[in-house]
């Protein structure tokens, strides 16, 4: 996809958000939305479209901007729209490469295991990979352990176990994220093996990896020390990811060998990883 095809987007969720967008104050977006005239409105290359009940989106092609963009200009990528690289499409004979739906498969690439619930009558696996269905993925009991193997495409997923009607996170998985119900979902990453390497720091006692792919876990993923630095292999789903190295639990640093960096919403500079 050519650069000119991408859009720089700003979402407006309420009148309060309109007031906060000082850069767009001259357009009177709040009044424009109330009048309903936004459907035909355009100014300085910007257009406005309604994307939800209370959500509006400003769009402008990059080719219409009159300045160059720096490395810190931010573009969000929704991995649900991620395209396979041209090399992969050629390998597949130029046919569309599509992920198969998640399904039960005794030779599957992901196995879910729940221990310590031997007295349960039924355990169901539910998550974003099956639209939180409460019936389809029944786990199989072997002794006091419940198991289920699935064939899953690469991606970042959230899931829970339903034990006799009770929704619980995976006790063997420390990675989790808060949901809209103010409880937590477990996080599963199915992706490509990526080597993270930090050169030097031989005097450090402990080095960990933390990023958007593990919910910025403060303890992080431990790296193994070698004669020339620290390394770890981690599965990362397709898309764009932030990360940092954590030295001895105190010092958070960007990857000195990765020149691709970006500021997050809090103004912090992070290293960027793109996985195809």
Protein backbone atom coordinates (compact mmCIF):
# COMPACT_ATOMS: atom_id res chain seq x y z
CA UNK A 1 0.00 0.00 0.00
CA UNK A 2 1.40 3.42 -0.94
CA UNK A 3 2.00 6.04 1.71
CA UNK A 4 -0.61 8.33 0.16
CA UNK A 5 -3.24 5.68 0.81
CA UNK A 6 -2.86 5.94 4.57
CA UNK A 7 -4.95 8.36 6.57
CA UNK A 8 -4.01 10.44 9.60
CA UNK A 9 -7.03 10.08 11.86
CA UNK A 10 -8.37 11.86 14.91
CA UNK A 11 -11.43 10.39 16.68
CA UNK A 12 -13.98 12.62 18.38
CA UNK A 13 -16.16 10.82 20.93
CA UNK A 14 -18.12 13.69 22.49
CA UNK A 15 -18.53 17.47 22.64
CA UNK A 16 -16.03 17.44 25.49
CA UNK A 17 -13.44 15.85 23.22
CA UNK A 18 -14.17 18.52 20.60
CA UNK A 19 -13.28 21.20 23.13
CA UNK A 20 -10.01 19.43 23.89
CA UNK A 21 -8.87 19.42 20.26
CA UNK A 22 -7.34 22.90 20.22
CA UNK A 23 -5.70 22.33 16.85
CA UNK A 24 -9.14 21.94 15.29
CA UNK A 25 -10.88 24.68 17.22
CA UNK A 26 -11.16 26.90 14.13
CA UNK A 27 -13.38 24.32 12.46
CA UNK A 28 -16.09 24.42 15.18
CA UNK A 29 -16.48 20.65 15.05
CA UNK A 30 -18.99 20.60 17.89
CA UNK A 31 -21.32 22.95 16.03
CA UNK A 32 -20.74 21.10 12.79
CA UNK A 33 -21.77 17.79 14.35
CA UNK A 34 -24.86 19.28 15.98
CA UNK A 35 -26.00 20.80 12.68
CA UNK A 36 -25.62 17.53 10.80
CA UNK A 37 -23.80 19.32 7.94
CA UNK A 38 -20.62 17.30 8.47
CA UNK A 39 -21.60 14.80 5.76
CA UNK A 40 -20.68 17.25 2.99
CA UNK A 41 -18.12 19.31 4.92
CA UNK A 42 -14.47 19.55 3.86
CA UNK A 43 -11.80 22.06 4.80
CA UNK A 44 -8.01 22.12 4.40
CA UNK A 45 -8.24 18.56 3.12
CA UNK A 46 -10.09 17.30 6.21
CA UNK A 47 -13.37 15.41 6.02
CA UNK A 48 -15.62 14.26 8.86
CA UNK A 49 -17.54 10.99 9.07
CA UNK A 50 -19.77 9.39 11.69
CA UNK A 51 -18.42 6.00 12.79
CA UNK A 52 -20.71 5.19 15.72
CA UNK A 53 -23.59 6.43 17.82
CA UNK A 54 -21.37 9.01 19.54
CA UNK A 55 -18.18 8.68 17.52
CA UNK A 56 -16.91 10.82 14.64
CA UNK A 57 -13.64 10.63 12.73
CA UNK A 58 -11.53 13.27 11.01
CA UNK A 59 -9.57 12.14 7.96
CA UNK A 60 -6.90 13.68 5.76
CA UNK A 61 -4.58 12.04 3.25
CA UNK A 62 -0.89 12.30 4.07
CA UNK A 63 -0.24 13.60 0.57
CA UNK A 64 -2.21 16.75 1.47
CA UNK A 65 -0.01 17.70 4.41
CA UNK A 66 2.52 20.44 3.76
CA UNK A 67 5.30 19.20 6.05
CA UNK A 68 7.56 16.18 6.35
CA UNK A 69 6.83 13.62 9.05
CA UNK A 70 9.42 12.67 11.62
CA UNK A 71 10.06 9.23 13.13
CA UNK A 72 7.93 10.17 16.13
CA UNK A 73 4.77 10.85 14.11
CA UNK A 74 2.35 8.16 15.22
CA UNK A 75 0.27 5.74 13.16
CA UNK A 76 -1.88 3.10 14.81
CA UNK A 77 -2.29 -0.23 13.04
CA UNK A 78 -5.32 -2.42 13.67
CA UNK A 79 -3.94 -5.97 13.33
CA UNK A 80 -7.34 -7.24 12.21
CA UNK A 81 -6.63 -5.46 8.91
CA UNK A 82 -3.02 -6.62 8.69
CA UNK A 83 -2.00 -7.80 5.22
CA UNK A 84 0.48 -10.52 4.42
CA UNK A 85 3.68 -9.28 2.71
CA UNK A 86 3.97 -9.47 -1.07
CA UNK A 87 6.56 -12.26 -0.78
CA UNK A 88 4.02 -14.46 1.02
CA UNK A 89 1.30 -13.75 -1.52
CA UNK A 90 3.68 -14.71 -4.34
CA UNK A 91 4.54 -17.91 -2.49
CA UNK A 92 0.83 -18.72 -2.35
CA UNK A 93 0.43 -18.13 -6.10
CA UNK A 94 -1.02 -14.64 -5.62
CA UNK A 95 -4.14 -16.12 -4.05
CA UNK A 96 -5.53 -14.35 -0.99
CA UNK A 97 -3.95 -15.65 2.22
CA UNK A 98 -6.70 -16.06 4.78
CA UNK A 99 -6.60 -17.34 8.33
CA UNK A 100 -8.76 -20.36 9.00
CA UNK A 101 -11.28 -20.04 11.84
CA UNK A 102 -10.21 -21.32 15.25
CA UNK A 103 -11.19 -24.97 15.66
CA UNK A 104 -10.64 -27.95 17.96
CA UNK A 105 -7.76 -30.08 16.65
CA UNK A 106 -5.84 -32.76 18.58
CA UNK A 107 -2.77 -31.71 16.53
CA UNK A 108 -3.44 -28.01 17.13
CA UNK A 109 -0.72 -25.46 17.78
CA UNK A 110 -2.14 -24.20 21.10
CA UNK A 111 -3.06 -26.26 24.15
CA UNK A 112 -5.11 -24.84 27.02
CA UNK A 113 -4.65 -26.52 30.39
CA UNK A 114 -6.52 -25.96 33.65
CA UNK A 115 -5.31 -27.73 36.79
CA UNK A 116 -6.81 -27.93 40.26
CA UNK A 117 -10.45 -28.19 39.20
CA UNK A 118 -10.84 -31.94 39.33
CA UNK A 119 -14.23 -31.72 41.05
CA UNK A 120 -15.75 -29.54 38.31
CA UNK A 121 -18.51 -31.07 36.19
CA UNK A 122 -17.79 -28.96 33.10
CA UNK A 123 -15.18 -26.49 31.87
CA UNK A 124 -15.70 -24.30 28.81
CA UNK A 125 -13.01 -22.27 27.03
CA UNK A 126 -14.21 -18.88 25.81
CA UNK A 127 -12.44 -15.87 24.34
CA UNK A 128 -12.12 -13.25 21.64
CA UNK A 129 -11.24 -16.04 19.18
CA UNK A 130 -14.83 -17.41 19.32
CA UNK A 131 -16.75 -14.22 20.18
CA UNK A 132 -16.92 -15.32 23.83
CA UNK A 133 -19.14 -18.28 22.96
CA UNK A 134 -20.21 -20.14 26.13
CA UNK A 135 -20.89 -23.57 24.61
CA UNK A 136 -18.62 -24.58 21.72
CA UNK A 137 -15.19 -25.27 23.22
CA UNK A 138 -15.79 -27.90 25.92
CA UNK A 139 -12.55 -28.95 27.60
CA UNK A 140 -11.67 -32.60 28.12
CA UNK A 141 -10.97 -33.96 31.60
CA UNK A 142 -7.95 -36.22 32.12
CA UNK A 143 -7.57 -37.13 35.77
CA UNK A 144 -7.73 -33.84 37.65
CA UNK A 145 -6.66 -31.77 34.64
CA UNK A 146 -8.81 -30.17 31.93
CA UNK A 147 -7.27 -29.79 28.45
CA UNK A 148 -8.17 -28.64 24.96
CA UNK A 149 -6.08 -28.22 21.81
CA UNK A 150 -7.01 -25.64 19.20
CA UNK A 151 -5.71 -24.77 15.76
CA UNK A 152 -5.27 -21.00 15.92
CA UNK A 153 -3.91 -18.35 13.52
CA UNK A 154 -1.39 -15.81 14.76
CA UNK A 155 -2.84 -13.03 16.84
CA UNK A 156 -3.30 -11.50 20.27
CA UNK A 157 -6.26 -13.03 22.13
CA UNK A 158 -8.11 -12.68 25.41
CA UNK A 159 -9.74 -15.68 27.07
CA UNK A 160 -11.27 -17.20 30.22
CA UNK A 161 -12.33 -20.57 31.55
CA UNK A 162 -15.98 -21.12 32.53
CA UNK A 163 -15.95 -23.62 35.40
CA UNK A 164 -19.49 -24.83 36.16
CA UNK A 165 -20.77 -21.39 35.16
CA UNK A 166 -18.06 -19.45 37.00
CA UNK A 167 -15.80 -17.31 34.76
CA UNK A 168 -12.14 -17.39 35.85
CA UNK A 169 -8.80 -16.27 34.44
CA UNK A 170 -6.09 -18.81 33.69
CA UNK A 171 -4.26 -19.32 37.03
CA UNK A 172 -1.16 -20.53 35.15
CA UNK A 173 -0.96 -17.37 33.00
CA UNK A 174 0.16 -14.18 34.75
CA UNK A 175 -0.50 -11.99 31.72
CA UNK A 176 -3.94 -10.43 31.86
CA UNK A 177 -5.85 -7.26 31.00
CA UNK A 178 -8.83 -5.52 32.60
CA UNK A 179 -12.10 -5.79 30.69
CA UNK A 180 -15.21 -3.59 30.52
CA UNK A 181 -16.72 -5.43 33.49
CA UNK A 182 -13.79 -4.37 35.71
CA UNK A 183 -12.61 -7.95 36.00
CA UNK A 184 -9.69 -9.48 34.09
CA UNK A 185 -9.12 -11.61 30.99
CA UNK A 186 -6.06 -13.77 30.38
CA UNK A 187 -3.89 -12.83 27.40
CA UNK A 188 -2.66 -15.30 24.79
CA UNK A 189 -0.09 -14.50 22.10
CA UNK A 190 0.09 -16.77 19.06
CA UNK A 191 2.73 -15.46 16.72
CA UNK A 192 6.17 -15.46 15.21
CA UNK A 193 9.28 -16.28 17.25
CA UNK A 194 11.25 -13.04 17.61
CA UNK A 195 14.74 -12.79 19.10
CA UNK A 196 15.25 -9.82 21.43
CA UNK A 197 18.91 -9.05 22.14
CA UNK A 198 20.47 -6.42 24.40
CA UNK A 199 24.21 -6.04 23.90
CA UNK A 200 26.42 -5.50 26.94
CA UNK A 201 25.13 -4.72 30.44
CA UNK A 202 27.33 -7.48 31.85
CA UNK A 203 27.15 -5.97 35.33
CA UNK A 204 23.36 -6.22 35.46
CA UNK A 205 21.90 -8.92 37.71
CA UNK A 206 18.59 -9.21 35.86
CA UNK A 207 17.23 -8.00 32.50
CA UNK A 208 13.60 -8.37 31.41
CA UNK A 209 11.54 -7.56 28.34
CA UNK A 210 8.30 -5.60 28.68
CA UNK A 211 6.00 -4.20 26.01
CA UNK A 212 2.55 -3.79 24.57
CA UNK A 213 2.49 -7.52 23.77
CA UNK A 214 2.54 -8.47 27.47
CA UNK A 215 0.51 -5.55 28.84
CA UNK A 216 3.71 -3.80 29.99
CA UNK A 217 4.22 -6.30 32.76
CA UNK A 218 6.51 -4.71 35.36
CA UNK A 219 8.37 -7.95 36.00
CA UNK A 220 8.61 -8.60 32.29
CA UNK A 221 9.95 -11.63 30.48
CA UNK A 222 13.40 -12.62 31.83
CA UNK A 223 16.33 -12.56 29.39
CA UNK A 224 19.18 -15.06 29.52
CA UNK A 225 22.69 -13.72 30.01
CA UNK A 226 25.40 -14.64 27.50
CA UNK A 227 29.02 -13.59 26.97
CA UNK A 228 28.02 -10.65 24.76
CA UNK A 229 24.69 -9.58 26.25
CA UNK A 230 21.17 -10.71 27.10
CA UNK A 231 18.65 -12.52 24.89
CA UNK A 232 15.20 -14.08 24.80
CA UNK A 233 12.90 -15.51 22.13
CA UNK A 234 9.25 -14.50 22.41
CA UNK A 235 6.20 -15.21 20.24
CA UNK A 236 4.81 -11.93 18.87
CA UNK A 237 1.61 -11.57 16.78
CA UNK A 238 1.54 -9.66 13.48
CA UNK A 239 1.32 -5.92 13.89
CA UNK A 240 3.09 -3.00 15.50
CA UNK A 241 4.42 -3.29 19.04
CA UNK A 242 6.15 -1.11 21.65
CA UNK A 243 8.83 -2.52 23.93
CA UNK A 244 11.62 -1.72 26.40
CA UNK A 245 14.25 -3.57 28.41
CA UNK A 246 14.07 -3.44 32.22
CA UNK A 247 17.46 -3.45 33.95
CA UNK A 248 17.52 -4.84 37.51
CA UNK A 249 13.84 -4.00 37.95
CA UNK A 250 14.47 -0.25 38.02
CA UNK A 251 15.85 1.18 34.79
CA UNK A 252 13.63 1.05 31.69
CA UNK A 253 15.58 1.60 28.46
CA UNK A 254 14.83 1.54 24.74
CA UNK A 255 16.67 -0.91 22.49
CA UNK A 256 20.00 0.83 21.66
CA UNK A 257 20.32 -1.21 18.44
CA UNK A 258 16.84 -0.33 17.14
CA UNK A 259 16.58 3.12 15.56
CA UNK A 260 12.81 2.87 15.09
CA UNK A 261 11.29 4.71 18.05
CA UNK A 262 8.03 6.46 18.87
CA UNK A 263 6.42 8.43 21.66
CA UNK A 264 3.39 6.89 23.31
CA UNK A 265 0.33 8.75 24.62
CA UNK A 266 2.17 9.47 27.88
CA UNK A 267 5.10 11.10 26.07
CA UNK A 268 7.49 8.19 26.72
CA UNK A 269 9.80 7.06 23.92
CA UNK A 270 9.61 3.33 23.16
CA UNK A 271 11.30 1.01 20.69
CA UNK A 272 9.07 -0.20 17.86
CA UNK A 273 8.79 -3.75 16.49
CA UNK A 274 6.89 -4.52 13.27
CA UNK A 275 5.96 -8.17 12.75
CA UNK A 276 4.67 -9.31 9.34
